[in-house]
Amino acid sequence: MTRFAANLGLLWPGLPLPDRIEAAARAGFRAVEMQFPYEVPPQIVRHLSQRLNLELLGINSPPGDLARGELGLAALPGREAAFMESIGRALEYCEIAGFHSIHVMAGNVSGLPRETCRDVFMNNLRRAADAAAPHGVTLLLEPLNRVDYPDYFYGTVDEGIAALGDIARPNVRLQFDAYHAGVHCRDVVAALQRSWSWVGHIQIAAVPDRGEPDQGEVDMFAVIRAADMLGYTGWIGCEYRPRGDTDEGLAWMRR
């Protein structure tokens, strides 16, 4: 399992985060990524990861006010100051715990002017990238499919590529989530090839149920093989919702 990283936002649901870290190590993972770990002090995450010899990959930026349906702040007009505060919090967490990257959440923009949101997003990401550079932290952009997230700022790989070209910062990359890509386009291998020069991290899950990646309408093993052929040397994030017991479901890795 040396290439696969456990996403502790979804695997081992019901366990507190420290116990999820322990469970990932017991299962044989050598790297983990998280979504919103902020309720657990970063010192605890760092201590556990060092004791268990786990590499810490990335976290999500704070989601904003979930009760208001924000799901991130980067593209929300009028929330620019709050966005930079959230990036500062995420960078501090990364520095203390030892994470290398931040998935910057764009936010839900239903009812807001599209061009205004895009301008806010570009300006916010450039400022965030400049703030992250001295820390050696990479910012990751991840479009969320419009079936599950109809109000999210962007939903397709091509929209992510276009944003990256306009932001033009070397420490801003694409988080290629094969599940989100596959919801819109079943030829995920072609999408990966098309976006390859921008890819900073890869995640997998089955399409369309987001379960273990050995089933579904997209051949995730073909996606992994394509990444190999393209020269990918990073981790493959397992960001899926287990259909049953997480440990029993990991049998797909042995195949």
Protein backbone atom coordinates (compact mmCIF):
# COMPACT_ATOMS: atom_id res chain seq x y z
CA MET A 1 0.00 0.00 0.00
CA THR A 2 2.99 2.29 -0.27
CA ARG A 3 1.40 4.37 -3.07
CA PHE A 4 -2.03 4.72 -1.50
CA ALA A 5 -2.86 7.40 1.05
CA ALA A 6 -5.83 7.09 3.40
CA ASN A 7 -8.23 10.01 3.33
CA LEU A 8 -9.26 10.31 6.95
CA GLY A 9 -12.19 12.52 6.17
CA LEU A 10 -14.08 9.50 4.80
CA LEU A 11 -12.35 6.29 5.89
CA TRP A 12 -13.16 4.77 9.30
CA PRO A 13 -16.26 6.95 9.79
CA GLY A 14 -17.40 7.24 13.36
CA LEU A 15 -13.93 7.12 14.88
CA PRO A 16 -12.32 10.25 16.30
CA LEU A 17 -9.49 11.57 14.13
CA PRO A 18 -6.62 10.29 16.33
CA ASP A 19 -8.12 6.80 16.17
CA ARG A 20 -8.44 7.08 12.39
CA ILE A 21 -4.74 7.87 12.19
CA GLU A 22 -3.98 4.76 14.22
CA ALA A 23 -6.32 2.68 12.06
CA ALA A 24 -4.62 3.85 8.86
CA ALA A 25 -1.22 2.79 10.17
CA ARG A 26 -2.55 -0.61 11.25
CA ALA A 27 -4.02 -1.12 7.79
CA GLY A 28 -0.62 -0.60 6.21
CA PHE A 29 -0.93 2.93 4.88
CA ARG A 30 2.23 5.01 4.90
CA ALA A 31 0.58 8.36 4.17
CA VAL A 32 -2.67 10.09 5.12
CA GLU A 33 -4.62 13.12 3.99
CA MET A 34 -7.41 14.87 5.86
CA GLN A 35 -10.30 17.18 5.16
CA PHE A 36 -11.06 19.40 8.15
CA PRO A 37 -8.85 18.36 11.09
CA TYR A 38 -8.99 21.70 12.86
CA GLU A 39 -10.77 20.51 16.01
CA VAL A 40 -7.76 18.32 16.84
CA PRO A 41 -4.63 20.24 17.89
CA PRO A 42 -1.96 20.00 15.19
CA GLN A 43 0.61 18.94 17.78
CA ILE A 44 -1.38 15.74 18.36
CA VAL A 45 -1.53 15.00 14.63
CA ARG A 46 2.19 15.60 14.29
CA HIS A 47 3.04 13.40 17.27
CA LEU A 48 0.89 10.51 16.05
CA SER A 49 2.16 10.69 12.48
CA GLN A 50 5.77 10.71 13.62
CA ARG A 51 5.25 7.84 16.04
CA LEU A 52 3.49 5.78 13.38
CA ASN A 53 5.85 6.78 10.55
CA LEU A 54 3.05 8.29 8.46
CA GLU A 55 3.59 11.05 5.91
CA LEU A 56 1.08 13.89 6.16
CA LEU A 57 -0.08 15.08 2.73
CA GLY A 58 -2.81 17.68 2.71
CA ILE A 59 -5.85 19.25 4.35
CA ASN A 60 -8.77 21.36 3.14
CA SER A 61 -9.00 25.05 3.85
CA PRO A 62 -11.68 25.89 6.45
CA PRO A 63 -15.14 25.66 4.85
CA GLY A 64 -16.58 28.89 6.21
CA ASP A 65 -20.09 28.95 7.58
CA LEU A 66 -21.58 25.58 6.66
CA ALA A 67 -24.92 26.59 8.16
CA ARG A 68 -25.08 29.25 5.44
CA GLY A 69 -24.00 26.71 2.84
CA GLU A 70 -20.66 28.32 2.04
CA LEU A 71 -18.41 25.23 1.57
CA GLY A 72 -15.33 27.40 1.24
CA LEU A 73 -14.65 31.10 0.82
CA ALA A 74 -12.27 31.61 -2.10
CA ALA A 75 -14.89 32.66 -4.68
CA LEU A 76 -17.31 34.51 -2.39
CA PRO A 77 -17.53 38.32 -2.87
CA GLY A 78 -17.40 40.21 0.41
CA ARG A 79 -15.62 37.37 2.22
CA GLU A 80 -12.08 38.21 1.11
CA ALA A 81 -10.81 39.11 4.58
CA ALA A 82 -12.32 35.96 6.07
CA PHE A 83 -10.76 33.93 3.27
CA MET A 84 -7.25 35.19 4.01
CA GLU A 85 -7.81 34.54 7.72
CA SER A 86 -8.83 30.97 6.87
CA ILE A 87 -5.69 30.49 4.73
CA GLY A 88 -3.58 31.79 7.59
CA ARG A 89 -5.20 29.26 9.90
CA ALA A 90 -4.62 26.44 7.41
CA LEU A 91 -0.98 27.42 6.86
CA GLU A 92 -0.37 27.51 10.60
CA TYR A 93 -1.93 24.05 10.95
CA CYS A 94 0.24 22.72 8.13
CA GLU A 95 3.40 24.18 9.62
CA ILE A 96 2.81 22.77 13.10
CA ALA A 97 1.49 19.35 12.05
CA GLY A 98 3.70 18.84 9.00
CA PHE A 99 1.30 18.87 6.03
CA HIS A 100 2.52 19.80 2.53
CA SER A 101 -0.60 21.03 0.75
CA ILE A 102 -3.99 22.73 1.14
CA HIS A 103 -7.05 22.07 -1.00
CA VAL A 104 -8.50 25.56 -1.26
CA MET A 105 -12.29 25.36 -1.08
CA ALA A 106 -13.97 27.76 -3.51
CA GLY A 107 -17.47 27.83 -2.07
CA ASN A 108 -21.09 27.71 -3.23
CA VAL A 109 -21.99 30.66 -5.43
CA SER A 110 -25.65 30.17 -6.34
CA GLY A 111 -27.30 33.52 -7.09
CA LEU A 112 -24.01 35.43 -7.20
CA PRO A 113 -22.65 37.12 -10.37
CA ARG A 114 -20.41 34.57 -12.13
CA GLU A 115 -17.80 37.03 -13.39
CA THR A 116 -17.55 38.73 -10.01
CA CYS A 117 -17.00 35.36 -8.31
CA ARG A 118 -14.31 34.46 -10.84
CA ASP A 119 -12.46 37.75 -10.28
CA VAL A 120 -12.63 37.24 -6.50
CA PHE A 121 -11.41 33.66 -6.88
CA MET A 122 -8.41 34.66 -9.03
CA ASN A 123 -7.37 37.50 -6.75
CA ASN A 124 -7.79 35.43 -3.59
CA LEU A 125 -5.79 32.50 -4.97
CA ARG A 126 -2.90 34.71 -6.06
CA ARG A 127 -2.72 36.26 -2.60
CA ALA A 128 -3.02 32.87 -0.93
CA ALA A 129 -0.31 31.38 -3.17
CA ASP A 130 2.05 34.22 -2.30
CA ALA A 131 1.33 33.68 1.40
CA ALA A 132 1.89 29.91 1.10
CA ALA A 133 5.14 30.08 -0.88
CA PRO A 134 7.46 30.91 2.05
CA HIS A 135 6.05 27.89 3.91
CA GLY A 136 6.72 25.50 1.02
CA VAL A 137 3.02 24.65 0.90
CA THR A 138 1.27 23.80 -2.38
CA LEU A 139 -2.29 24.98 -2.94
CA LEU A 140 -4.56 22.51 -4.72
CA LEU A 141 -7.65 23.35 -6.77
CA GLU A 142 -10.33 20.67 -7.02
CA PRO A 143 -13.52 21.09 -9.04
CA LEU A 144 -16.48 19.34 -7.37
CA ASN A 145 -18.96 17.70 -9.72
CA ARG A 146 -22.26 19.49 -10.28
CA VAL A 147 -24.39 16.41 -9.62
CA ASP A 148 -23.40 16.26 -5.95
CA TYR A 149 -22.50 19.95 -5.61
CA PRO A 150 -24.71 21.92 -8.02
CA ASP A 151 -23.95 25.33 -6.47
CA TYR A 152 -20.17 24.95 -6.22
CA PHE A 153 -18.02 27.50 -8.04
CA TYR A 154 -16.58 25.03 -10.55
CA GLY A 155 -17.32 21.45 -11.47
CA THR A 156 -15.14 20.18 -14.33
CA VAL A 157 -11.47 19.47 -14.88
CA ASP A 158 -11.40 21.94 -17.77
CA GLU A 159 -12.67 24.72 -15.51
CA GLY A 160 -9.90 23.90 -13.06
CA ILE A 161 -7.28 24.01 -15.82
CA ALA A 162 -8.55 27.39 -17.01
CA ALA A 163 -8.36 28.81 -13.49
CA LEU A 164 -4.82 27.52 -13.01
CA GLY A 165 -3.70 29.13 -16.25
CA ASP A 166 -5.07 32.50 -15.14
CA ILE A 167 -3.74 32.31 -11.58
CA ALA A 168 -0.23 31.60 -12.89
CA ARG A 169 1.48 30.67 -9.65
CA PRO A 170 3.90 27.71 -9.55
CA ASN A 171 2.67 26.52 -6.15
CA VAL A 172 -0.97 26.21 -7.26
CA ARG A 173 -1.78 22.83 -8.82
CA LEU A 174 -4.73 20.64 -9.73
CA GLN A 175 -6.06 18.03 -7.35
CA PHE A 176 -7.30 15.50 -9.88
CA ASP A 177 -10.18 13.70 -8.20
CA ALA A 178 -11.06 10.85 -10.55
CA TYR A 179 -14.48 10.48 -8.94
CA HIS A 180 -15.53 14.09 -9.58
CA ALA A 181 -14.04 13.94 -13.09
CA GLY A 182 -15.82 10.65 -13.79
CA VAL A 183 -19.25 11.93 -12.83
CA HIS A 184 -19.09 14.36 -15.77
CA CYS A 185 -16.97 12.37 -18.20
CA ARG A 186 -16.55 8.61 -18.06
CA ASP A 187 -13.27 8.82 -20.05
CA VAL A 188 -11.28 9.80 -16.98
CA VAL A 189 -7.99 8.65 -18.51
CA ALA A 190 -8.39 11.21 -21.30
CA ALA A 191 -9.18 13.92 -18.73
CA LEU A 192 -6.05 12.98 -16.79
CA GLN A 193 -3.92 13.10 -19.91
CA ARG A 194 -5.40 16.46 -20.92
CA SER A 195 -4.70 18.03 -17.53
CA TRP A 196 -1.43 16.26 -16.81
CA SER A 197 0.87 19.30 -16.80
CA TRP A 198 -1.21 20.80 -13.98
CA VAL A 199 -1.71 17.74 -11.77
CA GLY A 200 -0.31 17.95 -8.25
CA HIS A 201 -2.24 15.15 -6.56
CA ILE A 202 -4.64 12.33 -7.53
CA GLN A 203 -7.62 10.91 -5.66
CA ILE A 204 -9.86 7.95 -6.50
CA ALA A 205 -13.30 6.54 -5.70
CA ALA A 206 -15.91 4.56 -7.58
CA VAL A 207 -18.32 6.27 -9.96
CA PRO A 208 -21.17 6.85 -9.30
CA ASP A 209 -21.50 5.70 -5.65
CA ARG A 210 -18.13 6.99 -4.38
CA GLY A 211 -17.40 3.64 -2.73
CA GLU A 212 -14.31 1.43 -2.98
CA PRO A 213 -12.66 2.02 -6.37
CA ASP A 214 -12.77 -1.59 -7.61
CA GLN A 215 -16.36 -1.24 -8.85
CA GLY A 216 -18.39 1.23 -10.84
CA GLU A 217 -18.60 2.75 -14.29
CA VAL A 218 -15.00 4.02 -14.45
CA ASP A 219 -11.99 1.70 -14.39
CA MET A 220 -9.95 3.30 -11.60
CA PHE A 221 -7.15 0.78 -12.10
CA ALA A 222 -6.85 2.10 -15.68
CA VAL A 223 -6.58 5.62 -14.24
CA ILE A 224 -3.75 4.47 -11.95
CA ARG A 225 -1.98 2.76 -14.85
CA ALA A 226 -2.31 5.91 -16.94
CA ALA A 227 -0.81 7.97 -14.12
CA ASP A 228 2.10 5.51 -14.01
CA MET A 229 2.66 5.87 -17.75
CA LEU A 230 2.60 9.65 -17.46
CA GLY A 231 5.32 9.49 -14.79
CA TYR A 232 3.31 10.15 -11.65
CA THR A 233 5.37 9.44 -8.55
CA GLY A 234 3.04 10.87 -5.90
CA TRP A 235 0.46 9.31 -3.64
CA ILE A 236 -3.00 8.16 -4.70
CA GLY A 237 -5.52 9.50 -2.21
CA CYS A 238 -8.28 7.03 -1.27
CA GLU A 239 -11.13 9.48 -0.78
CA TYR A 240 -14.08 7.15 -0.90
CA ARG A 241 -17.02 6.24 1.32
CA PRO A 242 -16.68 2.60 2.44
CA ARG A 243 -19.68 0.48 1.51
CA GLY A 244 -19.26 -1.44 4.77
CA ASP A 245 -16.45 -1.97 7.24
CA THR A 246 -13.44 0.09 6.16
CA ASP A 247 -10.85 -2.58 6.90
CA GLU A 248 -12.77 -5.32 5.12
CA GLY A 249 -13.24 -3.03 2.14
CA LEU A 250 -9.48 -2.57 1.77
CA ALA A 251 -9.26 -5.98 0.11
CA TRP A 252 -9.34 -4.14 -3.24
CA MET A 253 -5.77 -2.91 -2.62
CA ARG A 254 -4.40 -6.42 -2.49
CA ARG A 255 -5.74 -6.91 -6.02
